[in-house]
Structure formats: structure tokens, C-alpha cells
Amino acid sequence: MFPGYLFVKTLLANEFTQIMWTPGVKAFVCFGGSPAPVDDSVIEFLRSREGPDGLIRCGDPLPQSSEVRIISGPFRGLTAVVEQRLPARERVRVLMYILARQTPVELPEKWVRRA
């Protein structure tokens, strides 16, 4: 949900320098010149949505074998059947009838909706 973001619980004044020198840290998200605090209940909510792979996804995942309508891209308007979700790449492999045979096609998951 928040690629590239890391939530840190800290007493900022005491650990600011240590956090800023951590490899990969570029900046804090700030509002009005101060780092934005995030309430513990927000973190608990996000953790409750975390999957076994550590990723948080928005919306309902598309179950295998479900029929979907393609809403974007060159196959827009066609229907297909979900063969496999590829969550690490935010893609889905669907089966489509192309030239009278079932053909696997990989698409961005945001291009498909349940039919």
C-alpha cells in the first residue's frame, strides 16, 4: 500500500540522526515542517490487513478461476478467467480465448475487474 515507506516508532528528538543515516532513508513525511505522527491504531489496522507475504493489498483479491472483465489495455472489453495472481509484481495471469484456443496472458491486476 505504501511502497518505499517505513513506519518508525521513536522518540524523534533522541533518534533522529540515527534514523536519517540508515541506508535507504531519504526523508521523513512532514506536514508544516514537522514529521507526521501516525497513531498506534492506524499501525494496528495496517498490520491486521497484512498478508503472510508481508504485503498489504487494497480491495478483494481475485480468486483463481473467477471470471473477470478487462477494463484497460489492448484487451479492454474482453472477458477472461483468472489462472494465477502474481502479487509480488501486482499482476494477474488470465486465460483468454485467442484464435480459438485458451491462451495465458499476464496483465496488471488493476486492469481487471470481476465480471
PDB file of N, CA and C in Angstrom:
ATOM      1  N   MET A   1       0.810  -1.198   0.000  1.00  0.00           N
ATOM      2  CA  MET A   1       0.000   0.000   0.000  1.00  0.00           C
ATOM      3  C   MET A   1       0.851   1.259   0.000  1.00  0.00           C
ATOM      4  N   PHE A   2       1.988   1.190   0.664  1.00  0.00           N
ATOM      5  CA  PHE A   2       2.880   2.342   0.756  1.00  0.00           C
ATOM      6  C   PHE A   2       4.278   1.929   0.320  1.00  0.00           C
ATOM      7  N   PRO A   3       4.489   1.692  -0.974  1.00  0.00           N
ATOM      8  CA  PRO A   3       5.806   1.224  -1.406  1.00  0.00           C
ATOM      9  C   PRO A   3       6.892   2.243  -1.090  1.00  0.00           C
ATOM     10  N   GLY A   4       7.969   1.749  -0.523  1.00  0.00           N
ATOM     11  CA  GLY A   4       9.096   2.613  -0.211  1.00  0.00           C
ATOM     12  C   GLY A   4       8.982   3.362   1.107  1.00  0.00           C
ATOM     13  N   TYR A   5       7.873   3.190   1.815  1.00  0.00           N
ATOM     14  CA  TYR A   5       7.695   3.878   3.085  1.00  0.00           C
ATOM     15  C   TYR A   5       7.957   2.927   4.235  1.00  0.00           C
ATOM     16  N   LEU A   6       8.509   3.450   5.311  1.00  0.00           N
ATOM     17  CA  LEU A   6       8.770   2.694   6.515  1.00  0.00           C
ATOM     18  C   LEU A   6       8.190   3.472   7.683  1.00  0.00           C
ATOM     19  N   PHE A   7       7.387   2.799   8.485  1.00  0.00           N
ATOM     20  CA  PHE A   7       6.831   3.444   9.664  1.00  0.00           C
ATOM     21  C   PHE A   7       7.781   3.173  10.819  1.00  0.00           C
ATOM     22  N   VAL A   8       8.145   4.231  11.553  1.00  0.00           N
ATOM     23  CA  VAL A   8       9.113   4.124  12.632  1.00  0.00           C
ATOM     24  C   VAL A   8       8.484   4.660  13.914  1.00  0.00           C
ATOM     25  N   LYS A   9       8.587   3.855  14.982  1.00  0.00           N
ATOM     26  CA  LYS A   9       8.125   4.327  16.284  1.00  0.00           C
ATOM     27  C   LYS A   9       9.364   4.756  17.052  1.00  0.00           C
ATOM     28  N   THR A  10       9.420   6.031  17.406  1.00  0.00           N
ATOM     29  CA  THR A  10      10.623   6.576  18.021  1.00  0.00           C
ATOM     30  C   THR A  10      10.312   7.829  18.816  1.00  0.00           C
ATOM     31  N   LEU A  11      11.204   8.147  19.688  1.00  0.00           N
ATOM     32  CA  LEU A  11      11.221   9.471  20.306  1.00  0.00           C
ATOM     33  C   LEU A  11      12.130  10.273  19.393  1.00  0.00           C
ATOM     34  N   LEU A  12      11.533  10.941  18.461  1.00  0.00           N
ATOM     35  CA  LEU A  12      12.232  11.532  17.332  1.00  0.00           C
ATOM     36  C   LEU A  12      13.460  12.350  17.713  1.00  0.00           C
ATOM     37  N   ALA A  13      13.353  13.184  18.725  1.00  0.00           N
ATOM     38  CA  ALA A  13      14.484  14.047  19.071  1.00  0.00           C
ATOM     39  C   ALA A  13      15.716  13.224  19.440  1.00  0.00           C
ATOM     40  N   ASN A  14      15.503  12.098  20.106  1.00  0.00           N
ATOM     41  CA  ASN A  14      16.627  11.283  20.565  1.00  0.00           C
ATOM     42  C   ASN A  14      17.255  10.453  19.444  1.00  0.00           C
ATOM     43  N   GLU A  15      16.466  10.037  18.464  1.00  0.00           N
ATOM     44  CA  GLU A  15      16.954   9.083  17.478  1.00  0.00           C
ATOM     45  C   GLU A  15      16.940   9.613  16.043  1.00  0.00           C
ATOM     46  N   PHE A  16      16.675  10.879  15.857  1.00  0.00           N
ATOM     47  CA  PHE A  16      16.555  11.469  14.529  1.00  0.00           C
ATOM     48  C   PHE A  16      17.790  11.198  13.678  1.00  0.00           C
ATOM     49  N   THR A  17      18.970  11.490  14.183  1.00  0.00           N
ATOM     50  CA  THR A  17      20.209  11.342  13.417  1.00  0.00           C
ATOM     51  C   THR A  17      20.438   9.890  13.036  1.00  0.00           C
ATOM     52  N   GLN A  18      20.208   8.981  13.973  1.00  0.00           N
ATOM     53  CA  GLN A  18      20.404   7.556  13.708  1.00  0.00           C
ATOM     54  C   GLN A  18      19.473   7.082  12.584  1.00  0.00           C
ATOM     55  N   ILE A  19      18.229   7.530  12.611  1.00  0.00           N
ATOM     56  CA  ILE A  19      17.266   7.138  11.580  1.00  0.00           C
ATOM     57  C   ILE A  19      17.654   7.738  10.234  1.00  0.00           C
ATOM     58  N   MET A  20      18.022   9.001  10.212  1.00  0.00           N
ATOM     59  CA  MET A  20      18.366   9.663   8.949  1.00  0.00           C
ATOM     60  C   MET A  20      19.592   9.044   8.273  1.00  0.00           C
ATOM     61  N   TRP A  21      20.502   8.446   9.036  1.00  0.00           N
ATOM     62  CA  TRP A  21      21.702   7.841   8.456  1.00  0.00           C
ATOM     63  C   TRP A  21      21.520   6.355   8.143  1.00  0.00           C
ATOM     64  N   THR A  22      20.322   5.835   8.324  1.00  0.00           N
ATOM     65  CA  THR A  22      20.046   4.441   7.981  1.00  0.00           C
ATOM     66  C   THR A  22      20.037   4.317   6.454  1.00  0.00           C
ATOM     67  N   PRO A  23      20.735   3.315   5.904  1.00  0.00           N
ATOM     68  CA  PRO A  23      20.756   3.160   4.440  1.00  0.00           C
ATOM     69  C   PRO A  23      19.337   3.065   3.873  1.00  0.00           C
ATOM     70  N   GLY A  24      19.078   3.824   2.822  1.00  0.00           N
ATOM     71  CA  GLY A  24      17.776   3.818   2.163  1.00  0.00           C
ATOM     72  C   GLY A  24      16.832   4.902   2.620  1.00  0.00           C
ATOM     73  N   VAL A  25      17.075   5.494   3.778  1.00  0.00           N
ATOM     74  CA  VAL A  25      16.194   6.560   4.282  1.00  0.00           C
ATOM     75  C   VAL A  25      16.543   7.846   3.560  1.00  0.00           C
ATOM     76  N   LYS A  26      15.525   8.488   2.993  1.00  0.00           N
ATOM     77  CA  LYS A  26      15.746   9.746   2.279  1.00  0.00           C
ATOM     78  C   LYS A  26      15.211  10.938   3.053  1.00  0.00           C
ATOM     79  N   ALA A  27      14.039  10.763   3.679  1.00  0.00           N
ATOM     80  CA  ALA A  27      13.419  11.879   4.391  1.00  0.00           C
ATOM     81  C   ALA A  27      12.242  11.373   5.208  1.00  0.00           C
ATOM     82  N   PHE A  28      11.756  12.225   6.072  1.00  0.00           N
ATOM     83  CA  PHE A  28      10.534  11.954   6.809  1.00  0.00           C
ATOM     84  C   PHE A  28       9.373  12.605   6.062  1.00  0.00           C
ATOM     85  N   VAL A  29       8.186  12.008   6.158  1.00  0.00           N
ATOM     86  CA  VAL A  29       6.987  12.659   5.640  1.00  0.00           C
ATOM     87  C   VAL A  29       6.642  13.745   6.651  1.00  0.00           C
ATOM     88  N   CYS A  30       6.598  14.982   6.175  1.00  0.00           N
ATOM     89  CA  CYS A  30       6.387  16.111   7.084  1.00  0.00           C
ATOM     90  C   CYS A  30       5.156  16.922   6.688  1.00  0.00           C
ATOM     91  N   PHE A  31       4.521  17.501   7.675  1.00  0.00           N
ATOM     92  CA  PHE A  31       3.445  18.465   7.493  1.00  0.00           C
ATOM     93  C   PHE A  31       3.789  19.668   8.349  1.00  0.00           C
ATOM     94  N   GLY A  32       3.830  20.826   7.737  1.00  0.00           N
ATOM     95  CA  GLY A  32       4.171  22.033   8.480  1.00  0.00           C
ATOM     96  C   GLY A  32       5.583  22.016   9.014  1.00  0.00           C
ATOM     97  N   GLY A  33       6.483  21.320   8.326  1.00  0.00           N
ATOM     98  CA  GLY A  33       7.881  21.302   8.737  1.00  0.00           C
ATOM     99  C   GLY A  33       8.217  20.283   9.810  1.00  0.00           C
ATOM    100  N   SER A  34       7.233  19.540  10.307  1.00  0.00           N
ATOM    101  CA  SER A  34       7.478  18.535  11.346  1.00  0.00           C
ATOM    102  C   SER A  34       7.090  17.152  10.840  1.00  0.00           C
ATOM    103  N   PRO A  35       7.845  16.128  11.267  1.00  0.00           N
ATOM    104  CA  PRO A  35       7.469  14.765  10.866  1.00  0.00           C
ATOM    105  C   PRO A  35       6.036  14.452  11.291  1.00  0.00           C
ATOM    106  N   ALA A  36       5.314  13.787  10.389  1.00  0.00           N
ATOM    107  CA  ALA A  36       3.899  13.479  10.632  1.00  0.00           C
ATOM    108  C   ALA A  36       3.761  12.290  11.576  1.00  0.00           C
ATOM    109  N   PRO A  37       3.084  12.481  12.704  1.00  0.00           N
ATOM    110  CA  PRO A  37       2.861  11.343  13.603  1.00  0.00           C
ATOM    111  C   PRO A  37       1.739  10.450  13.072  1.00  0.00           C
ATOM    112  N   VAL A  38       1.851   9.167  13.340  1.00  0.00           N
ATOM    113  CA  VAL A  38       0.820   8.200  12.959  1.00  0.00           C
ATOM    114  C   VAL A  38       0.374   7.511  14.245  1.00  0.00           C
ATOM    115  N   ASP A  39      -0.935   7.545  14.500  1.00  0.00           N
ATOM    116  CA  ASP A  39      -1.483   6.950  15.711  1.00  0.00           C
ATOM    117  C   ASP A  39      -1.271   5.438  15.718  1.00  0.00           C
ATOM    118  N   ASP A  40      -1.050   4.859  16.904  1.00  0.00           N
ATOM    119  CA  ASP A  40      -0.845   3.412  17.031  1.00  0.00           C
ATOM    120  C   ASP A  40      -2.009   2.614  16.450  1.00  0.00           C
ATOM    121  N   SER A  41      -3.229   3.139  16.524  1.00  0.00           N
ATOM    122  CA  SER A  41      -4.392   2.411  15.998  1.00  0.00           C
ATOM    123  C   SER A  41      -4.305   2.262  14.481  1.00  0.00           C
ATOM    124  N   VAL A  42      -3.689   3.223  13.806  1.00  0.00           N
ATOM    125  CA  VAL A  42      -3.510   3.138  12.350  1.00  0.00           C
ATOM    126  C   VAL A  42      -2.538   2.006  12.023  1.00  0.00           C
ATOM    127  N   ILE A  43      -1.457   1.912  12.765  1.00  0.00           N
ATOM    128  CA  ILE A  43      -0.478   0.849  12.545  1.00  0.00           C
ATOM    129  C   ILE A  43      -1.110  -0.515  12.824  1.00  0.00           C
ATOM    130  N   GLU A  44      -1.891  -0.618  13.892  1.00  0.00           N
ATOM    131  CA  GLU A  44      -2.577  -1.880  14.197  1.00  0.00           C
ATOM    132  C   GLU A  44      -3.531  -2.264  13.067  1.00  0.00           C
ATOM    133  N   PHE A  45      -4.257  -1.280  12.536  1.00  0.00           N
ATOM    134  CA  PHE A  45      -5.169  -1.538  11.425  1.00  0.00           C
ATOM    135  C   PHE A  45      -4.405  -2.061  10.211  1.00  0.00           C
ATOM    136  N   LEU A  46      -3.289  -1.420   9.860  1.00  0.00           N
ATOM    137  CA  LEU A  46      -2.493  -1.846   8.712  1.00  0.00           C
ATOM    138  C   LEU A  46      -1.943  -3.255   8.921  1.00  0.00           C
ATOM    139  N   ARG A  47      -1.471  -3.538  10.128  1.00  0.00           N
ATOM    140  CA  ARG A  47      -0.948  -4.884  10.410  1.00  0.00           C
ATOM    141  C   ARG A  47      -2.035  -5.951  10.307  1.00  0.00           C
ATOM    142  N   SER A  48      -3.265  -5.587  10.651  1.00  0.00           N
ATOM    143  CA  SER A  48      -4.364  -6.560  10.560  1.00  0.00           C
ATOM    144  C   SER A  48      -4.676  -6.903   9.108  1.00  0.00           C
ATOM    145  N   ARG A  49      -4.287  -6.056   8.178  1.00  0.00           N
ATOM    146  CA  ARG A  49      -4.525  -6.275   6.750  1.00  0.00           C
ATOM    147  C   ARG A  49      -3.342  -6.933   6.044  1.00  0.00           C
ATOM    148  N   GLU A  50      -2.253  -7.145   6.772  1.00  0.00           N
ATOM    149  CA  GLU A  50      -1.028  -7.686   6.189  1.00  0.00           C
ATOM    150  C   GLU A  50      -1.200  -9.168   5.867  1.00  0.00           C
ATOM    151  N   GLY A  51      -0.773  -9.555   4.679  1.00  0.00           N
ATOM    152  CA  GLY A  51      -0.836 -10.954   4.272  1.00  0.00           C
ATOM    153  C   GLY A  51       0.372 -11.718   4.758  1.00  0.00           C
ATOM    154  N   PRO A  52       0.390 -13.047   4.563  1.00  0.00           N
ATOM    155  CA  PRO A  52       1.519 -13.867   5.003  1.00  0.00           C
ATOM    156  C   PRO A  52       2.843 -13.469   4.348  1.00  0.00           C
ATOM    157  N   ASP A  53       2.762 -12.804   3.188  1.00  0.00           N
ATOM    158  CA  ASP A  53       3.975 -12.362   2.499  1.00  0.00           C
ATOM    159  C   ASP A  53       4.441 -10.990   2.967  1.00  0.00           C
ATOM    160  N   GLY A  54       3.727 -10.409   3.953  1.00  0.00           N
ATOM    161  CA  GLY A  54       4.107  -9.100   4.487  1.00  0.00           C
ATOM    162  C   GLY A  54       3.552  -7.935   3.705  1.00  0.00           C
ATOM    163  N   LEU A  55       2.788  -8.200   2.639  1.00  0.00           N
ATOM    164  CA  LEU A  55       2.237  -7.129   1.814  1.00  0.00           C
ATOM    165  C   LEU A  55       0.804  -6.821   2.223  1.00  0.00           C
ATOM    166  N   ILE A  56       0.416  -5.578   2.058  1.00  0.00           N
ATOM    167  CA  ILE A  56      -0.950  -5.132   2.307  1.00  0.00           C
ATOM    168  C   ILE A  56      -1.560  -4.791   0.961  1.00  0.00           C
ATOM    169  N   ARG A  57      -2.701  -5.384   0.689  1.00  0.00           N
ATOM    170  CA  ARG A  57      -3.364  -5.142  -0.592  1.00  0.00           C
ATOM    171  C   ARG A  57      -4.685  -4.430  -0.364  1.00  0.00           C
ATOM    172  N   CYS A  58      -5.030  -3.592  -1.302  1.00  0.00           N
ATOM    173  CA  CYS A  58      -6.320  -2.907  -1.265  1.00  0.00           C
ATOM    174  C   CYS A  58      -7.339  -3.749  -2.015  1.00  0.00           C
ATOM    175  N   GLY A  59      -8.553  -3.746  -1.546  1.00  0.00           N
ATOM    176  CA  GLY A  59      -9.624  -4.455  -2.244  1.00  0.00           C
ATOM    177  C   GLY A  59      -9.553  -5.952  -2.052  1.00  0.00           C
ATOM    178  N   ASP A  60     -10.534  -6.621  -2.609  1.00  0.00           N
ATOM    179  CA  ASP A  60     -10.598  -8.078  -2.528  1.00  0.00           C
ATOM    180  C   ASP A  60      -9.713  -8.691  -3.591  1.00  0.00           C
ATOM    181  N   PRO A  61      -8.929  -9.714  -3.209  1.00  0.00           N
ATOM    182  CA  PRO A  61      -8.121 -10.378  -4.230  1.00  0.00           C
ATOM    183  C   PRO A  61      -9.010 -11.162  -5.184  1.00  0.00           C
ATOM    184  N   LEU A  62      -8.544 -11.317  -6.386  1.00  0.00           N
ATOM    185  CA  LEU A  62      -9.285 -12.081  -7.388  1.00  0.00           C
ATOM    186  C   LEU A  62      -9.003 -13.564  -7.178  1.00  0.00           C
ATOM    187  N   PRO A  63     -10.035 -14.348  -6.837  1.00  0.00           N
ATOM    188  CA  PRO A  63      -9.788 -15.775  -6.637  1.00  0.00           C
ATOM    189  C   PRO A  63      -9.498 -16.493  -7.952  1.00  0.00           C
ATOM    190  N   GLN A  64      -8.725 -17.564  -7.848  1.00  0.00           N
ATOM    191  CA  GLN A  64      -8.404 -18.381  -9.012  1.00  0.00           C
ATOM    192  C   GLN A  64      -9.699 -18.917  -9.614  1.00  0.00           C
ATOM    193  N   SER A  65      -9.756 -18.982 -10.908  1.00  0.00           N
ATOM    194  CA  SER A  65     -10.903 -19.471 -11.697  1.00  0.00           C
ATOM    195  C   SER A  65     -12.076 -18.497 -11.751  1.00  0.00           C
ATOM    196  N   SER A  66     -11.920 -17.291 -11.205  1.00  0.00           N
ATOM    197  CA  SER A  66     -13.020 -16.322 -11.298  1.00  0.00           C
ATOM    198  C   SER A  66     -12.994 -15.646 -12.672  1.00  0.00           C
ATOM    199  N   GLU A  67     -14.181 -15.324 -13.154  1.00  0.00           N
ATOM    200  CA  GLU A  67     -14.292 -14.651 -14.445  1.00  0.00           C
ATOM    201  C   GLU A  67     -14.094 -13.157 -14.238  1.00  0.00           C
ATOM    202  N   VAL A  68     -13.291 -12.545 -15.101  1.00  0.00           N
ATOM    203  CA  VAL A  68     -13.002 -11.117 -14.991  1.00  0.00           C
ATOM    204  C   VAL A  68     -13.235 -10.434 -16.333  1.00  0.00           C
ATOM    205  N   ARG A  69     -13.492  -9.135 -16.253  1.00  0.00           N
ATOM    206  CA  ARG A  69     -13.603  -8.297 -17.443  1.00  0.00           C
ATOM    207  C   ARG A  69     -12.365  -7.416 -17.461  1.00  0.00           C
ATOM    208  N   ILE A  70     -11.750  -7.316 -18.622  1.00  0.00           N
ATOM    209  CA  ILE A  70     -10.559  -6.478 -18.779  1.00  0.00           C
ATOM    210  C   ILE A  70     -11.038  -5.056 -19.049  1.00  0.00           C
ATOM    211  N   ILE A  71     -10.602  -4.107 -18.199  1.00  0.00           N
ATOM    212  CA  ILE A  71     -11.108  -2.730 -18.282  1.00  0.00           C
ATOM    213  C   ILE A  71     -10.113  -1.739 -18.854  1.00  0.00           C
ATOM    214  N   SER A  72      -8.896  -2.208 -19.148  1.00  0.00           N
ATOM    215  CA  SER A  72      -7.886  -1.299 -19.677  1.00  0.00           C
ATOM    216  C   SER A  72      -6.913  -2.091 -20.547  1.00  0.00           C
ATOM    217  N   GLY A  73      -6.158  -1.385 -21.364  1.00  0.00           N
ATOM    218  CA  GLY A  73      -5.152  -2.032 -22.194  1.00  0.00           C
ATOM    219  C   GLY A  73      -5.710  -2.534 -23.519  1.00  0.00           C
ATOM    220  N   PRO A  74      -4.893  -3.256 -24.265  1.00  0.00           N
ATOM    221  CA  PRO A  74      -5.295  -3.675 -25.618  1.00  0.00           C
ATOM    222  C   PRO A  74      -6.433  -4.697 -25.643  1.00  0.00           C
ATOM    223  N   PHE A  75      -6.689  -5.403 -24.542  1.00  0.00           N
ATOM    224  CA  PHE A  75      -7.775  -6.391 -24.496  1.00  0.00           C
ATOM    225  C   PHE A  75      -9.025  -5.844 -23.812  1.00  0.00           C
ATOM    226  N   ARG A  76      -9.095  -4.526 -23.624  1.00  0.00           N
ATOM    227  CA  ARG A  76     -10.221  -3.898 -22.927  1.00  0.00           C
ATOM    228  C   ARG A  76     -11.552  -4.345 -23.532  1.00  0.00           C
ATOM    229  N   GLY A  77     -12.481  -4.693 -22.626  1.00  0.00           N
ATOM    230  CA  GLY A  77     -13.808  -5.116 -23.048  1.00  0.00           C
ATOM    231  C   GLY A  77     -13.976  -6.619 -23.155  1.00  0.00           C
ATOM    232  N   LEU A  78     -12.875  -7.362 -23.167  1.00  0.00           N
ATOM    233  CA  LEU A  78     -12.951  -8.819 -23.261  1.00  0.00           C
ATOM    234  C   LEU A  78     -13.053  -9.431 -21.869  1.00  0.00           C
ATOM    235  N   THR A  79     -13.479 -10.687 -21.812  1.00  0.00           N
ATOM    236  CA  THR A  79     -13.526 -11.406 -20.544  1.00  0.00           C
ATOM    237  C   THR A  79     -12.454 -12.482 -20.538  1.00  0.00           C
ATOM    238  N   ALA A  80     -12.086 -12.903 -19.325  1.00  0.00           N
ATOM    239  CA  ALA A  80     -11.055 -13.928 -19.157  1.00  0.00           C
ATOM    240  C   ALA A  80     -11.317 -14.645 -17.839  1.00  0.00           C
ATOM    241  N   VAL A  81     -10.522 -15.677 -17.572  1.00  0.00           N
ATOM    242  CA  VAL A  81     -10.613 -16.436 -16.323  1.00  0.00           C
ATOM    243  C   VAL A  81      -9.255 -16.343 -15.631  1.00  0.00           C
ATOM    244  N   VAL A  82      -9.269 -16.053 -14.332  1.00  0.00           N
ATOM    245  CA  VAL A  82      -8.020 -15.920 -13.570  1.00  0.00           C
ATOM    246  C   VAL A  82      -7.366 -17.289 -13.424  1.00  0.00           C
ATOM    247  N   GLU A  83      -6.132 -17.375 -13.865  1.00  0.00           N
ATOM    248  CA  GLU A  83      -5.357 -18.599 -13.687  1.00  0.00           C
ATOM    249  C   GLU A  83      -4.500 -18.494 -12.428  1.00  0.00           C
ATOM    250  N   GLN A  84      -3.856 -17.319 -12.242  1.00  0.00           N
ATOM    251  CA  GLN A  84      -2.963 -17.153 -11.098  1.00  0.00           C
ATOM    252  C   GLN A  84      -2.749 -15.674 -10.817  1.00  0.00           C
ATOM    253  N   ARG A  85      -2.749 -15.317  -9.526  1.00  0.00           N
ATOM    254  CA  ARG A  85      -2.357 -13.965  -9.125  1.00  0.00           C
ATOM    255  C   ARG A  85      -0.852 -13.957  -8.929  1.00  0.00           C
ATOM    256  N   LEU A  86      -0.199 -12.878  -9.339  1.00  0.00           N
ATOM    257  CA  LEU A  86       1.237 -12.702  -9.183  1.00  0.00           C
ATOM    258  C   LEU A  86       1.449 -11.471  -8.305  1.00  0.00           C
ATOM    259  N   PRO A  87       1.169 -11.599  -6.994  1.00  0.00           N
ATOM    260  CA  PRO A  87       1.110 -10.429  -6.127  1.00  0.00           C
ATOM    261  C   PRO A  87       2.408  -9.640  -6.009  1.00  0.00           C
ATOM    262  N   ALA A  88       3.536 -10.296  -6.075  1.00  0.00           N
ATOM    263  CA  ALA A  88       4.802  -9.567  -5.941  1.00  0.00           C
ATOM    264  C   ALA A  88       5.000  -8.579  -7.074  1.00  0.00           C
ATOM    265  N   ARG A  89       4.385  -8.876  -8.230  1.00  0.00           N
ATOM    266  CA  ARG A  89       4.521  -7.988  -9.394  1.00  0.00           C
ATOM    267  C   ARG A  89       3.237  -7.221  -9.670  1.00  0.00           C
ATOM    268  N   GLU A  90       2.217  -7.386  -8.796  1.00  0.00           N
ATOM    269  CA  GLU A  90       0.921  -6.721  -8.952  1.00  0.00           C
ATOM    270  C   GLU A  90       0.313  -7.030 -10.313  1.00  0.00           C
ATOM    271  N   ARG A  91       0.437  -8.297 -10.706  1.00  0.00           N
ATOM    272  CA  ARG A  91      -0.089  -8.744 -11.994  1.00  0.00           C
ATOM    273  C   ARG A  91      -0.955  -9.974 -11.772  1.00  0.00           C
ATOM    274  N   VAL A  92      -1.674 -10.325 -12.813  1.00  0.00           N
ATOM    275  CA  VAL A  92      -2.527 -11.497 -12.784  1.00  0.00           C
ATOM    276  C   VAL A  92      -2.359 -12.210 -14.121  1.00  0.00           C
ATOM    277  N   ARG A  93      -2.296 -13.548 -14.067  1.00  0.00           N
ATOM    278  CA  ARG A  93      -2.254 -14.335 -15.299  1.00  0.00           C
ATOM    279  C   ARG A  93      -3.674 -14.823 -15.543  1.00  0.00           C
ATOM    280  N   VAL A  94      -4.210 -14.488 -16.705  1.00  0.00           N
ATOM    281  CA  VAL A  94      -5.566 -14.888 -17.063  1.00  0.00           C
ATOM    282  C   VAL A  94      -5.525 -15.780 -18.286  1.00  0.00           C
ATOM    283  N   LEU A  95      -6.592 -16.543 -18.466  1.00  0.00           N
ATOM    284  CA  LEU A  95      -6.740 -17.372 -19.657  1.00  0.00           C
ATOM    285  C   LEU A  95      -7.772 -16.717 -20.554  1.00  0.00           C
ATOM    286  N   MET A  96      -7.396 -16.488 -21.801  1.00  0.00           N
ATOM    287  CA  MET A  96      -8.288 -15.862 -22.778  1.00  0.00           C
ATOM    288  C   MET A  96      -8.364 -16.749 -24.018  1.00  0.00           C
ATOM    289  N   TYR A  97      -9.516 -16.718 -24.664  1.00  0.00           N
ATOM    290  CA  TYR A  97      -9.627 -17.416 -25.947  1.00  0.00           C
ATOM    291  C   TYR A  97      -9.114 -16.492 -27.033  1.00  0.00           C
ATOM    292  N   ILE A  98      -7.966 -16.866 -27.605  1.00  0.00           N
ATOM    293  CA  ILE A  98      -7.360 -16.123 -28.702  1.00  0.00           C
ATOM    294  C   ILE A  98      -7.111 -17.122 -29.828  1.00  0.00           C
ATOM    295  N   LEU A  99      -7.637 -16.815 -30.991  1.00  0.00           N
ATOM    296  CA  LEU A  99      -7.508 -17.699 -32.161  1.00  0.00           C
ATOM    297  C   LEU A  99      -7.979 -19.113 -31.829  1.00  0.00           C
ATOM    298  N   ALA A 100      -9.146 -19.199 -31.209  1.00  0.00           N
ATOM    299  CA  ALA A 100      -9.836 -20.463 -30.923  1.00  0.00           C
ATOM    300  C   ALA A 100      -9.097 -21.384 -29.955  1.00  0.00           C
ATOM    301  N   ARG A 101      -8.208 -20.824 -29.129  1.00  0.00           N
ATOM    302  CA  ARG A 101      -7.588 -21.649 -28.096  1.00  0.00           C
ATOM    303  C   ARG A 101      -7.343 -20.813 -26.843  1.00  0.00           C
ATOM    304  N   GLN A 102      -7.341 -21.488 -25.713  1.00  0.00           N
ATOM    305  CA  GLN A 102      -7.137 -20.806 -24.437  1.00  0.00           C
ATOM    306  C   GLN A 102      -5.662 -20.441 -24.295  1.00  0.00           C
ATOM    307  N   THR A 103      -5.400 -19.156 -24.098  1.00  0.00           N
ATOM    308  CA  THR A 103      -4.031 -18.653 -24.060  1.00  0.00           C
ATOM    309  C   THR A 103      -3.789 -17.893 -22.762  1.00  0.00           C
ATOM    310  N   PRO A 104      -2.693 -18.187 -22.034  1.00  0.00           N
ATOM    311  CA  PRO A 104      -2.387 -17.417 -20.824  1.00  0.00           C
ATOM    312  C   PRO A 104      -1.821 -16.043 -21.198  1.00  0.00           C
ATOM    313  N   VAL A 105      -2.308 -15.024 -20.512  1.00  0.00           N
ATOM    314  CA  VAL A 105      -1.868 -13.644 -20.741  1.00  0.00           C
ATOM    315  C   VAL A 105      -1.648 -12.994 -19.376  1.00  0.00           C
ATOM    316  N   GLU A 106      -0.511 -12.314 -19.196  1.00  0.00           N
ATOM    317  CA  GLU A 106      -0.252 -11.578 -17.955  1.00  0.00           C
ATOM    318  C   GLU A 106      -0.651 -10.128 -18.132  1.00  0.00           C
ATOM    319  N   LEU A 107      -1.397  -9.620 -17.149  1.00  0.00           N
ATOM    320  CA  LEU A 107      -1.866  -8.236 -17.178  1.00  0.00           C
ATOM    321  C   LEU A 107      -1.650  -7.597 -15.812  1.00  0.00           C
ATOM    322  N   PRO A 108      -1.539  -6.267 -15.759  1.00  0.00           N
ATOM    323  CA  PRO A 108      -1.554  -5.610 -14.451  1.00  0.00           C
ATOM    324  C   PRO A 108      -2.895  -5.896 -13.774  1.00  0.00           C
ATOM    325  N   GLU A 109      -2.849  -6.217 -12.497  1.00  0.00           N
ATOM    326  CA  GLU A 109      -4.073  -6.568 -11.768  1.00  0.00           C
ATOM    327  C   GLU A 109      -5.096  -5.451 -11.791  1.00  0.00           C
ATOM    328  N   LYS A 110      -4.643  -4.200 -11.866  1.00  0.00           N
ATOM    329  CA  LYS A 110      -5.581  -3.073 -11.889  1.00  0.00           C
ATOM    330  C   LYS A 110      -6.338  -2.969 -13.211  1.00  0.00           C
ATOM    331  N   TRP A 111      -5.956  -3.737 -14.205  1.00  0.00           N
ATOM    332  CA  TRP A 111      -6.649  -3.730 -15.496  1.00  0.00           C
ATOM    333  C   TRP A 111      -7.851  -4.652 -15.521  1.00  0.00           C
ATOM    334  N   VAL A 112      -8.072  -5.452 -14.471  1.00  0.00           N
ATOM    335  CA  VAL A 112      -9.191  -6.398 -14.496  1.00  0.00           C
ATOM    336  C   VAL A 112     -10.133  -6.171 -13.319  1.00  0.00           C
ATOM    337  N   ARG A 113     -11.409  -6.480 -13.541  1.00  0.00           N
ATOM    338  CA  ARG A 113     -12.455  -6.420 -12.502  1.00  0.00           C
ATOM    339  C   ARG A 113     -13.296  -7.682 -12.612  1.00  0.00           C
ATOM    340  N   ARG A 114     -13.846  -8.095 -11.485  1.00  0.00           N
ATOM    341  CA  ARG A 114     -14.740  -9.261 -11.523  1.00  0.00           C
ATOM    342  C   ARG A 114     -15.874  -8.999 -12.495  1.00  0.00           C
ATOM    343  N   ALA A 115     -16.200 -10.010 -13.282  1.00  0.00           N
ATOM    344  CA  ALA A 115     -17.260  -9.875 -14.296  1.00  0.00           C
ATOM    345  C   ALA A 115     -18.636  -9.925 -13.644  1.00  0.00           C
TER     346      ALA A 115
END
